[in-house]
């Protein structure tokens, strides 16, 4: 094997600076969904809106109330129990994870 040539520190630094000028890969910027500002306290305005709009829905569930009325999930569950107690809606399926209601039949 031939002997290795000694390279000075200055030459090594110059070689390092000369190479690698390519910019780093820019990872794609994912569009993150903004956190929704859902109501967590039931005020009179929200209650009036629930009592007015929810009986007109054909399919009523927690996710429907969260989506349409911008309520928090726990507040939507409480509202559904209250509407059922008042007789405004009737349950179709009451499971621990998903409660489905329809508007009460008007006779």
PDB file of N, CA and C in Angstrom:
ATOM      1  N   UNK A   1       0.836  -1.174   0.000  1.00  0.00           N
ATOM      2  CA  UNK A   1       0.000   0.000   0.000  1.00  0.00           C
ATOM      3  C   UNK A   1       0.877   1.232   0.000  1.00  0.00           C
ATOM      4  N   UNK A   2       0.492   2.176  -0.826  1.00  0.00           N
ATOM      5  CA  UNK A   2       1.278   3.406  -0.801  1.00  0.00           C
ATOM      6  C   UNK A   2       0.957   4.207   0.449  1.00  0.00           C
ATOM      7  N   UNK A   3       1.893   4.970   0.944  1.00  0.00           N
ATOM      8  CA  UNK A   3       1.629   5.760   2.139  1.00  0.00           C
ATOM      9  C   UNK A   3       0.592   6.860   1.857  1.00  0.00           C
ATOM     10  N   UNK A   4      -0.234   7.176   2.874  1.00  0.00           N
ATOM     11  CA  UNK A   4      -1.243   8.206   2.734  1.00  0.00           C
ATOM     12  C   UNK A   4      -0.599   9.577   2.741  1.00  0.00           C
ATOM     13  N   UNK A   5      -1.158  10.474   1.930  1.00  0.00           N
ATOM     14  CA  UNK A   5      -0.643  11.831   1.912  1.00  0.00           C
ATOM     15  C   UNK A   5      -1.256  12.610   3.061  1.00  0.00           C
ATOM     16  N   UNK A   6      -0.433  13.384   3.701  1.00  0.00           N
ATOM     17  CA  UNK A   6      -0.897  14.213   4.803  1.00  0.00           C
ATOM     18  C   UNK A   6      -1.581  15.456   4.239  1.00  0.00           C
ATOM     19  N   UNK A   7      -2.800  15.722   4.717  1.00  0.00           N
ATOM     20  CA  UNK A   7      -3.540  16.902   4.276  1.00  0.00           C
ATOM     21  C   UNK A   7      -3.640  17.845   5.458  1.00  0.00           C
ATOM     22  N   UNK A   8      -3.380  19.108   5.205  1.00  0.00           N
ATOM     23  CA  UNK A   8      -3.402  20.081   6.290  1.00  0.00           C
ATOM     24  C   UNK A   8      -4.831  20.346   6.747  1.00  0.00           C
ATOM     25  N   UNK A   9      -4.946  20.886   7.947  1.00  0.00           N
ATOM     26  CA  UNK A   9      -6.263  21.202   8.491  1.00  0.00           C
ATOM     27  C   UNK A   9      -6.966  22.244   7.625  1.00  0.00           C
ATOM     28  N   UNK A  10      -6.241  23.182   7.106  1.00  0.00           N
ATOM     29  CA  UNK A  10      -6.823  24.227   6.265  1.00  0.00           C
ATOM     30  C   UNK A  10      -7.385  23.609   4.979  1.00  0.00           C
ATOM     31  N   UNK A  11      -6.672  22.641   4.419  1.00  0.00           N
ATOM     32  CA  UNK A  11      -7.145  21.991   3.195  1.00  0.00           C
ATOM     33  C   UNK A  11      -8.401  21.164   3.485  1.00  0.00           C
ATOM     34  N   UNK A  12      -8.412  20.506   4.630  1.00  0.00           N
ATOM     35  CA  UNK A  12      -9.603  19.734   5.013  1.00  0.00           C
ATOM     36  C   UNK A  12     -10.803  20.659   5.199  1.00  0.00           C
ATOM     37  N   UNK A  13     -10.588  21.788   5.847  1.00  0.00           N
ATOM     38  CA  UNK A  13     -11.675  22.734   6.079  1.00  0.00           C
ATOM     39  C   UNK A  13     -12.190  23.298   4.756  1.00  0.00           C
ATOM     40  N   UNK A  14     -11.278  23.582   3.827  1.00  0.00           N
ATOM     41  CA  UNK A  14     -11.678  24.112   2.519  1.00  0.00           C
ATOM     42  C   UNK A  14     -12.478  23.067   1.748  1.00  0.00           C
ATOM     43  N   UNK A  15     -12.061  21.809   1.839  1.00  0.00           N
ATOM     44  CA  UNK A  15     -12.781  20.732   1.149  1.00  0.00           C
ATOM     45  C   UNK A  15     -14.174  20.556   1.751  1.00  0.00           C
ATOM     46  N   UNK A  16     -14.273  20.683   3.060  1.00  0.00           N
ATOM     47  CA  UNK A  16     -15.569  20.536   3.725  1.00  0.00           C
ATOM     48  C   UNK A  16     -16.499  21.685   3.343  1.00  0.00           C
ATOM     49  N   UNK A  17     -15.954  22.883   3.217  1.00  0.00           N
ATOM     50  CA  UNK A  17     -16.776  24.038   2.856  1.00  0.00           C
ATOM     51  C   UNK A  17     -17.194  23.979   1.389  1.00  0.00           C
ATOM     52  N   UNK A  18     -16.365  23.397   0.552  1.00  0.00           N
ATOM     53  CA  UNK A  18     -16.667  23.351  -0.877  1.00  0.00           C
ATOM     54  C   UNK A  18     -17.806  22.378  -1.168  1.00  0.00           C
ATOM     55  N   UNK A  19     -17.822  21.255  -0.474  1.00  0.00           N
ATOM     56  CA  UNK A  19     -18.858  20.256  -0.710  1.00  0.00           C
ATOM     57  C   UNK A  19     -20.076  20.504   0.146  1.00  0.00           C
ATOM     58  N   UNK A  20     -21.181  19.873  -0.206  1.00  0.00           N
ATOM     59  CA  UNK A  20     -22.387  19.937   0.616  1.00  0.00           C
ATOM     60  C   UNK A  20     -23.092  21.273   0.564  1.00  0.00           C
ATOM     61  N   UNK A  21     -23.071  21.953  -0.568  1.00  0.00           N
ATOM     62  CA  UNK A  21     -23.753  23.233  -0.691  1.00  0.00           C
ATOM     63  C   UNK A  21     -25.247  23.063  -0.923  1.00  0.00           C
ATOM     64  N   UNK A  22     -25.668  21.842  -1.210  1.00  0.00           N
ATOM     65  CA  UNK A  22     -27.078  21.584  -1.473  1.00  0.00           C
ATOM     66  C   UNK A  22     -27.876  21.839  -0.192  1.00  0.00           C
ATOM     67  N   UNK A  23     -29.022  22.502  -0.337  1.00  0.00           N
ATOM     68  CA  UNK A  23     -29.827  22.798   0.843  1.00  0.00           C
ATOM     69  C   UNK A  23     -30.498  21.528   1.358  1.00  0.00           C
ATOM     70  N   UNK A  24     -30.851  21.563   2.612  1.00  0.00           N
ATOM     71  CA  UNK A  24     -31.501  20.406   3.219  1.00  0.00           C
ATOM     72  C   UNK A  24     -32.889  20.219   2.646  1.00  0.00           C
ATOM     73  N   UNK A  25     -33.370  18.985   2.707  1.00  0.00           N
ATOM     74  CA  UNK A  25     -34.709  18.680   2.201  1.00  0.00           C
ATOM     75  C   UNK A  25     -35.746  19.355   3.082  1.00  0.00           C
ATOM     76  N   UNK A  26     -36.660  20.034   2.423  1.00  0.00           N
ATOM     77  CA  UNK A  26     -37.748  20.664   3.160  1.00  0.00           C
ATOM     78  C   UNK A  26     -38.915  19.692   3.177  1.00  0.00           C
ATOM     79  N   UNK A  27     -39.269  19.235   4.360  1.00  0.00           N
ATOM     80  CA  UNK A  27     -40.382  18.306   4.487  1.00  0.00           C
ATOM     81  C   UNK A  27     -41.675  19.052   4.214  1.00  0.00           C
ATOM     82  N   UNK A  28     -42.614  18.344   3.634  1.00  0.00           N
ATOM     83  CA  UNK A  28     -43.873  18.996   3.279  1.00  0.00           C
ATOM     84  C   UNK A  28     -44.572  19.482   4.544  1.00  0.00           C
ATOM     85  N   UNK A  29     -45.127  20.636   4.449  1.00  0.00           N
ATOM     86  CA  UNK A  29     -45.816  21.212   5.598  1.00  0.00           C
ATOM     87  C   UNK A  29     -47.268  20.740   5.579  1.00  0.00           C
ATOM     88  N   UNK A  30     -47.599  19.902   6.542  1.00  0.00           N
ATOM     89  CA  UNK A  30     -48.959  19.374   6.609  1.00  0.00           C
ATOM     90  C   UNK A  30     -49.893  20.448   7.134  1.00  0.00           C
ATOM     91  N   UNK A  31     -51.069  20.496   6.547  1.00  0.00           N
ATOM     92  CA  UNK A  31     -52.066  21.429   7.043  1.00  0.00           C
ATOM     93  C   UNK A  31     -52.766  20.799   8.238  1.00  0.00           C
ATOM     94  N   UNK A  32     -52.549  21.366   9.400  1.00  0.00           N
ATOM     95  CA  UNK A  32     -53.150  20.826  10.610  1.00  0.00           C
ATOM     96  C   UNK A  32     -54.510  21.456  10.824  1.00  0.00           C
ATOM     97  N   UNK A  33     -55.446  20.641  11.245  1.00  0.00           N
ATOM     98  CA  UNK A  33     -56.779  21.138  11.512  1.00  0.00           C
ATOM     99  C   UNK A  33     -56.752  21.948  12.803  1.00  0.00           C
ATOM    100  N   UNK A  34     -57.349  23.113  12.763  1.00  0.00           N
ATOM    101  CA  UNK A  34     -57.388  23.954  13.959  1.00  0.00           C
ATOM    102  C   UNK A  34     -58.291  23.318  15.006  1.00  0.00           C
ATOM    103  N   UNK A  35     -57.936  23.554  16.249  1.00  0.00           N
ATOM    104  CA  UNK A  35     -58.772  23.045  17.325  1.00  0.00           C
ATOM    105  C   UNK A  35     -60.082  23.821  17.346  1.00  0.00           C
ATOM    106  N   UNK A  36     -61.165  23.094  17.436  1.00  0.00           N
ATOM    107  CA  UNK A  36     -62.475  23.739  17.442  1.00  0.00           C
ATOM    108  C   UNK A  36     -62.761  24.314  18.823  1.00  0.00           C
ATOM    109  N   UNK A  37     -63.369  25.465  18.842  1.00  0.00           N
ATOM    110  CA  UNK A  37     -63.721  26.108  20.109  1.00  0.00           C
ATOM    111  C   UNK A  37     -65.185  25.800  20.405  1.00  0.00           C
ATOM    112  N   UNK A  38     -65.431  24.608  20.940  1.00  0.00           N
ATOM    113  CA  UNK A  38     -66.797  24.205  21.246  1.00  0.00           C
ATOM    114  C   UNK A  38     -67.182  24.685  22.640  1.00  0.00           C
ATOM    115  N   UNK A  39     -68.463  24.982  22.788  1.00  0.00           N
ATOM    116  CA  UNK A  39     -68.968  25.469  24.069  1.00  0.00           C
ATOM    117  C   UNK A  39     -68.947  24.352  25.106  1.00  0.00           C
ATOM    118  N   UNK A  40     -68.556  24.679  26.322  1.00  0.00           N
ATOM    119  CA  UNK A  40     -68.534  23.691  27.403  1.00  0.00           C
ATOM    120  C   UNK A  40     -69.482  24.077  28.536  1.00  0.00           C
ATOM    121  N   UNK A  41     -70.059  25.259  28.437  1.00  0.00           N
ATOM    122  CA  UNK A  41     -71.022  25.710  29.432  1.00  0.00           C
ATOM    123  C   UNK A  41     -72.319  26.048  28.702  1.00  0.00           C
ATOM    124  N   UNK A  42     -73.413  25.555  29.242  1.00  0.00           N
ATOM    125  CA  UNK A  42     -74.709  25.774  28.607  1.00  0.00           C
ATOM    126  C   UNK A  42     -75.305  27.087  29.118  1.00  0.00           C
ATOM    127  N   UNK A  43     -75.349  28.084  28.237  1.00  0.00           N
ATOM    128  CA  UNK A  43     -75.981  29.344  28.598  1.00  0.00           C
ATOM    129  C   UNK A  43     -77.382  29.387  27.993  1.00  0.00           C
ATOM    130  N   UNK A  44     -78.114  30.431  28.303  1.00  0.00           N
ATOM    131  CA  UNK A  44     -79.512  30.511  27.870  1.00  0.00           C
ATOM    132  C   UNK A  44     -79.626  30.565  26.347  1.00  0.00           C
ATOM    133  N   UNK A  45     -78.693  31.227  25.705  1.00  0.00           N
ATOM    134  CA  UNK A  45     -78.711  31.331  24.237  1.00  0.00           C
ATOM    135  C   UNK A  45     -78.573  29.957  23.583  1.00  0.00           C
ATOM    136  N   UNK A  46     -77.637  29.140  24.089  1.00  0.00           N
ATOM    137  CA  UNK A  46     -77.445  27.787  23.536  1.00  0.00           C
ATOM    138  C   UNK A  46     -78.658  26.905  23.824  1.00  0.00           C
ATOM    139  N   UNK A  47     -79.219  27.042  25.019  1.00  0.00           N
ATOM    140  CA  UNK A  47     -80.390  26.242  25.379  1.00  0.00           C
ATOM    141  C   UNK A  47     -81.567  26.571  24.467  1.00  0.00           C
ATOM    142  N   UNK A  48     -81.788  27.851  24.204  1.00  0.00           N
ATOM    143  CA  UNK A  48     -82.873  28.255  23.301  1.00  0.00           C
ATOM    144  C   UNK A  48     -82.658  27.689  21.906  1.00  0.00           C
ATOM    145  N   UNK A  49     -81.421  27.727  21.458  1.00  0.00           N
ATOM    146  CA  UNK A  49     -81.111  27.206  20.124  1.00  0.00           C
ATOM    147  C   UNK A  49     -81.316  25.692  20.065  1.00  0.00           C
ATOM    148  N   UNK A  50     -80.940  24.987  21.129  1.00  0.00           N
ATOM    149  CA  UNK A  50     -81.142  23.535  21.185  1.00  0.00           C
ATOM    150  C   UNK A  50     -82.635  23.216  21.137  1.00  0.00           C
ATOM    151  N   UNK A  51     -83.415  23.909  21.954  1.00  0.00           N
ATOM    152  CA  UNK A  51     -84.850  23.640  22.017  1.00  0.00           C
ATOM    153  C   UNK A  51     -85.560  23.982  20.704  1.00  0.00           C
ATOM    154  N   UNK A  52     -85.021  24.933  19.959  1.00  0.00           N
ATOM    155  CA  UNK A  52     -85.650  25.349  18.708  1.00  0.00           C
ATOM    156  C   UNK A  52     -85.246  24.451  17.542  1.00  0.00           C
ATOM    157  N   UNK A  53     -83.944  24.128  17.428  1.00  0.00           N
ATOM    158  CA  UNK A  53     -83.428  23.449  16.239  1.00  0.00           C
ATOM    159  C   UNK A  53     -83.444  21.931  16.326  1.00  0.00           C
ATOM    160  N   UNK A  54     -83.108  21.377  17.474  1.00  0.00           N
ATOM    161  CA  UNK A  54     -82.942  19.919  17.576  1.00  0.00           C
ATOM    162  C   UNK A  54     -84.225  19.145  17.246  1.00  0.00           C
ATOM    163  N   UNK A  55     -85.413  19.594  17.661  1.00  0.00           N
ATOM    164  CA  UNK A  55     -86.616  18.830  17.300  1.00  0.00           C
ATOM    165  C   UNK A  55     -86.896  18.771  15.801  1.00  0.00           C
ATOM    166  N   UNK A  56     -86.223  19.607  15.008  1.00  0.00           N
ATOM    167  CA  UNK A  56     -86.426  19.571  13.555  1.00  0.00           C
ATOM    168  C   UNK A  56     -85.496  18.578  12.871  1.00  0.00           C
ATOM    169  N   UNK A  57     -84.479  18.072  13.572  1.00  0.00           N
ATOM    170  CA  UNK A  57     -83.539  17.124  12.978  1.00  0.00           C
ATOM    171  C   UNK A  57     -84.208  15.759  12.828  1.00  0.00           C
ATOM    172  N   UNK A  58     -83.884  15.068  11.741  1.00  0.00           N
ATOM    173  CA  UNK A  58     -84.434  13.722  11.537  1.00  0.00           C
ATOM    174  C   UNK A  58     -83.615  12.684  12.302  1.00  0.00           C
ATOM    175  N   UNK A  59     -82.320  12.915  12.406  1.00  0.00           N
ATOM    176  CA  UNK A  59     -81.399  12.006  13.097  1.00  0.00           C
ATOM    177  C   UNK A  59     -80.668  12.839  14.138  1.00  0.00           C
ATOM    178  N   UNK A  60     -80.732  12.396  15.388  1.00  0.00           N
ATOM    179  CA  UNK A  60     -80.142  13.169  16.478  1.00  0.00           C
ATOM    180  C   UNK A  60     -79.179  12.270  17.243  1.00  0.00           C
ATOM    181  N   UNK A  61     -77.946  12.713  17.361  1.00  0.00           N
ATOM    182  CA  UNK A  61     -76.958  11.998  18.164  1.00  0.00           C
ATOM    183  C   UNK A  61     -75.979  13.021  18.728  1.00  0.00           C
ATOM    184  N   UNK A  62     -75.069  12.559  19.556  1.00  0.00           N
ATOM    185  CA  UNK A  62     -74.085  13.446  20.163  1.00  0.00           C
ATOM    186  C   UNK A  62     -73.246  14.111  19.078  1.00  0.00           C
ATOM    187  N   UNK A  63     -72.820  13.325  18.106  1.00  0.00           N
ATOM    188  CA  UNK A  63     -71.955  13.879  17.065  1.00  0.00           C
ATOM    189  C   UNK A  63     -72.680  14.915  16.213  1.00  0.00           C
ATOM    190  N   UNK A  64     -73.974  14.750  16.016  1.00  0.00           N
ATOM    191  CA  UNK A  64     -74.748  15.734  15.248  1.00  0.00           C
ATOM    192  C   UNK A  64     -74.800  17.058  16.009  1.00  0.00           C
ATOM    193  N   UNK A  65     -75.049  17.001  17.322  1.00  0.00           N
ATOM    194  CA  UNK A  65     -75.097  18.221  18.115  1.00  0.00           C
ATOM    195  C   UNK A  65     -73.735  18.901  18.176  1.00  0.00           C
ATOM    196  N   UNK A  66     -72.687  18.119  18.319  1.00  0.00           N
ATOM    197  CA  UNK A  66     -71.340  18.677  18.366  1.00  0.00           C
ATOM    198  C   UNK A  66     -71.027  19.392  17.056  1.00  0.00           C
ATOM    199  N   UNK A  67     -71.379  18.766  15.945  1.00  0.00           N
ATOM    200  CA  UNK A  67     -71.056  19.315  14.639  1.00  0.00           C
ATOM    201  C   UNK A  67     -71.901  20.545  14.312  1.00  0.00           C
ATOM    202  N   UNK A  68     -73.195  20.465  14.509  1.00  0.00           N
ATOM    203  CA  UNK A  68     -74.080  21.548  14.079  1.00  0.00           C
ATOM    204  C   UNK A  68     -74.171  22.705  15.061  1.00  0.00           C
ATOM    205  N   UNK A  69     -74.142  22.406  16.349  1.00  0.00           N
ATOM    206  CA  UNK A  69     -74.343  23.453  17.348  1.00  0.00           C
ATOM    207  C   UNK A  69     -73.057  23.889  18.035  1.00  0.00           C
ATOM    208  N   UNK A  70     -71.936  23.284  17.668  1.00  0.00           N
ATOM    209  CA  UNK A  70     -70.628  23.616  18.244  1.00  0.00           C
ATOM    210  C   UNK A  70     -70.612  23.474  19.761  1.00  0.00           C
ATOM    211  N   UNK A  71     -71.128  22.334  20.219  1.00  0.00           N
ATOM    212  CA  UNK A  71     -71.126  22.025  21.648  1.00  0.00           C
ATOM    213  C   UNK A  71     -70.013  21.038  21.938  1.00  0.00           C
ATOM    214  N   UNK A  72     -69.586  20.967  23.181  1.00  0.00           N
ATOM    215  CA  UNK A  72     -68.685  19.918  23.596  1.00  0.00           C
ATOM    216  C   UNK A  72     -69.452  18.611  23.728  1.00  0.00           C
ATOM    217  N   UNK A  73     -68.749  17.487  23.657  1.00  0.00           N
ATOM    218  CA  UNK A  73     -69.417  16.188  23.701  1.00  0.00           C
ATOM    219  C   UNK A  73     -70.185  15.943  24.982  1.00  0.00           C
ATOM    220  N   UNK A  74     -69.599  16.304  26.116  1.00  0.00           N
ATOM    221  CA  UNK A  74     -70.288  16.071  27.388  1.00  0.00           C
ATOM    222  C   UNK A  74     -71.531  16.941  27.498  1.00  0.00           C
ATOM    223  N   UNK A  75     -71.455  18.165  26.987  1.00  0.00           N
ATOM    224  CA  UNK A  75     -72.613  19.052  27.010  1.00  0.00           C
ATOM    225  C   UNK A  75     -73.708  18.532  26.083  1.00  0.00           C
ATOM    226  N   UNK A  76     -73.325  17.963  24.965  1.00  0.00           N
ATOM    227  CA  UNK A  76     -74.307  17.399  24.030  1.00  0.00           C
ATOM    228  C   UNK A  76     -75.018  16.205  24.654  1.00  0.00           C
ATOM    229  N   UNK A  77     -74.296  15.359  25.398  1.00  0.00           N
ATOM    230  CA  UNK A  77     -74.925  14.214  26.060  1.00  0.00           C
ATOM    231  C   UNK A  77     -75.938  14.675  27.101  1.00  0.00           C
ATOM    232  N   UNK A  78     -75.580  15.698  27.858  1.00  0.00           N
ATOM    233  CA  UNK A  78     -76.497  16.236  28.865  1.00  0.00           C
ATOM    234  C   UNK A  78     -77.732  16.815  28.182  1.00  0.00           C
ATOM    235  N   UNK A  79     -77.535  17.516  27.080  1.00  0.00           N
ATOM    236  CA  UNK A  79     -78.663  18.122  26.364  1.00  0.00           C
ATOM    237  C   UNK A  79     -79.602  17.045  25.829  1.00  0.00           C
ATOM    238  N   UNK A  80     -79.059  15.938  25.322  1.00  0.00           N
ATOM    239  CA  UNK A  80     -79.898  14.857  24.800  1.00  0.00           C
ATOM    240  C   UNK A  80     -80.718  14.212  25.911  1.00  0.00           C
ATOM    241  N   UNK A  81     -80.102  14.009  27.076  1.00  0.00           N
ATOM    242  CA  UNK A  81     -80.851  13.434  28.202  1.00  0.00           C
ATOM    243  C   UNK A  81     -81.983  14.360  28.623  1.00  0.00           C
ATOM    244  N   UNK A  82     -81.719  15.658  28.629  1.00  0.00           N
ATOM    245  CA  UNK A  82     -82.735  16.627  29.009  1.00  0.00           C
ATOM    246  C   UNK A  82     -83.876  16.655  27.988  1.00  0.00           C
ATOM    247  N   UNK A  83     -83.540  16.629  26.710  1.00  0.00           N
ATOM    248  CA  UNK A  83     -84.576  16.636  25.672  1.00  0.00           C
ATOM    249  C   UNK A  83     -85.424  15.373  25.724  1.00  0.00           C
ATOM    250  N   UNK A  84     -84.793  14.239  26.061  1.00  0.00           N
ATOM    251  CA  UNK A  84     -85.551  12.987  26.193  1.00  0.00           C
ATOM    252  C   UNK A  84     -86.487  13.062  27.390  1.00  0.00           C
ATOM    253  N   UNK A  85     -85.994  13.642  28.479  1.00  0.00           N
ATOM    254  CA  UNK A  85     -86.819  13.775  29.685  1.00  0.00           C
ATOM    255  C   UNK A  85     -88.023  14.687  29.428  1.00  0.00           C
ATOM    256  N   UNK A  86     -87.822  15.719  28.609  1.00  0.00           N
ATOM    257  CA  UNK A  86     -88.914  16.645  28.274  1.00  0.00           C
ATOM    258  C   UNK A  86     -89.883  16.050  27.255  1.00  0.00           C
ATOM    259  N   UNK A  87     -89.506  14.937  26.620  1.00  0.00           N
ATOM    260  CA  UNK A  87     -90.383  14.304  25.638  1.00  0.00           C
ATOM    261  C   UNK A  87     -90.272  14.891  24.241  1.00  0.00           C
ATOM    262  N   UNK A  88     -89.232  15.661  23.994  1.00  0.00           N
ATOM    263  CA  UNK A  88     -89.054  16.294  22.688  1.00  0.00           C
ATOM    264  C   UNK A  88     -88.467  15.312  21.677  1.00  0.00           C
ATOM    265  N   UNK A  89     -87.611  14.403  22.161  1.00  0.00           N
ATOM    266  CA  UNK A  89     -87.007  13.387  21.290  1.00  0.00           C
ATOM    267  C   UNK A  89     -87.243  12.012  21.901  1.00  0.00           C
ATOM    268  N   UNK A  90     -87.191  10.981  21.058  1.00  0.00           N
ATOM    269  CA  UNK A  90     -87.357   9.611  21.545  1.00  0.00           C
ATOM    270  C   UNK A  90     -86.148   8.786  21.143  1.00  0.00           C
ATOM    271  N   UNK A  91     -85.689   7.887  22.018  1.00  0.00           N
ATOM    272  CA  UNK A  91     -84.499   7.097  21.698  1.00  0.00           C
ATOM    273  C   UNK A  91     -84.799   5.990  20.694  1.00  0.00           C
ATOM    274  N   UNK A  92     -83.852   5.757  19.813  1.00  0.00           N
ATOM    275  CA  UNK A  92     -83.917   4.628  18.882  1.00  0.00           C
ATOM    276  C   UNK A  92     -82.981   3.546  19.384  1.00  0.00           C
ATOM    277  N   UNK A  93     -81.755   3.951  19.729  1.00  0.00           N
ATOM    278  CA  UNK A  93     -80.753   3.027  20.227  1.00  0.00           C
ATOM    279  C   UNK A  93     -79.978   3.723  21.329  1.00  0.00           C
ATOM    280  N   UNK A  94     -79.947   3.094  22.499  1.00  0.00           N
ATOM    281  CA  UNK A  94     -79.197   3.668  23.605  1.00  0.00           C
ATOM    282  C   UNK A  94     -78.110   2.689  24.001  1.00  0.00           C
ATOM    283  N   UNK A  95     -76.930   2.918  23.486  1.00  0.00           N
ATOM    284  CA  UNK A  95     -75.774   2.107  23.822  1.00  0.00           C
ATOM    285  C   UNK A  95     -74.822   2.995  24.606  1.00  0.00           C
ATOM    286  N   UNK A  96     -73.899   2.386  25.317  1.00  0.00           N
ATOM    287  CA  UNK A  96     -72.978   3.166  26.140  1.00  0.00           C
ATOM    288  C   UNK A  96     -72.124   4.111  25.295  1.00  0.00           C
ATOM    289  N   UNK A  97     -71.821   3.727  24.061  1.00  0.00           N
ATOM    290  CA  UNK A  97     -70.940   4.549  23.243  1.00  0.00           C
ATOM    291  C   UNK A  97     -71.663   5.420  22.235  1.00  0.00           C
ATOM    292  N   UNK A  98     -72.871   5.070  21.852  1.00  0.00           N
ATOM    293  CA  UNK A  98     -73.582   5.848  20.839  1.00  0.00           C
ATOM    294  C   UNK A  98     -75.075   5.844  21.124  1.00  0.00           C
ATOM    295  N   UNK A  99     -75.619   7.025  21.369  1.00  0.00           N
ATOM    296  CA  UNK A  99     -77.057   7.155  21.577  1.00  0.00           C
ATOM    297  C   UNK A  99     -77.657   7.792  20.327  1.00  0.00           C
ATOM    298  N   UNK A 100     -78.697   7.164  19.798  1.00  0.00           N
ATOM    299  CA  UNK A 100     -79.354   7.668  18.604  1.00  0.00           C
ATOM    300  C   UNK A 100     -80.799   7.993  18.954  1.00  0.00           C
ATOM    301  N   UNK A 101     -81.230   9.182  18.564  1.00  0.00           N
ATOM    302  CA  UNK A 101     -82.577   9.641  18.851  1.00  0.00           C
ATOM    303  C   UNK A 101     -83.228  10.128  17.560  1.00  0.00           C
ATOM    304  N   UNK A 102     -84.560  10.202  17.584  1.00  0.00           N
ATOM    305  CA  UNK A 102     -85.313  10.836  16.515  1.00  0.00           C
ATOM    306  C   UNK A 102     -86.279  11.801  17.179  1.00  0.00           C
ATOM    307  N   UNK A 103     -86.844  12.694  16.378  1.00  0.00           N
ATOM    308  CA  UNK A 103     -87.812  13.631  16.951  1.00  0.00           C
ATOM    309  C   UNK A 103     -89.056  12.876  17.393  1.00  0.00           C
ATOM    310  N   UNK A 104     -89.687  13.356  18.420  1.00  0.00           N
ATOM    311  CA  UNK A 104     -90.867  12.701  18.949  1.00  0.00           C
ATOM    312  C   UNK A 104     -92.007  12.810  17.949  1.00  0.00           C
ATOM    313  N   UNK A 105     -92.799  11.755  17.850  1.00  0.00           N
ATOM    314  CA  UNK A 105     -93.945  11.754  16.926  1.00  0.00           C
ATOM    315  C   UNK A 105     -95.002  12.700  17.447  1.00  0.00           C
ATOM    316  N   UNK A 106     -95.448  13.592  16.587  1.00  0.00           N
ATOM    317  CA  UNK A 106     -96.517  14.517  16.981  1.00  0.00           C
ATOM    318  C   UNK A 106     -97.856  13.894  16.601  1.00  0.00           C
ATOM    319  N   UNK A 107     -98.724  13.839  17.556  1.00  0.00           N
ATOM    320  CA  UNK A 107    -100.013  13.169  17.333  1.00  0.00           C
ATOM    321  C   UNK A 107    -101.134  14.149  17.246  1.00  0.00           C
TER     322      UNK A 107
END
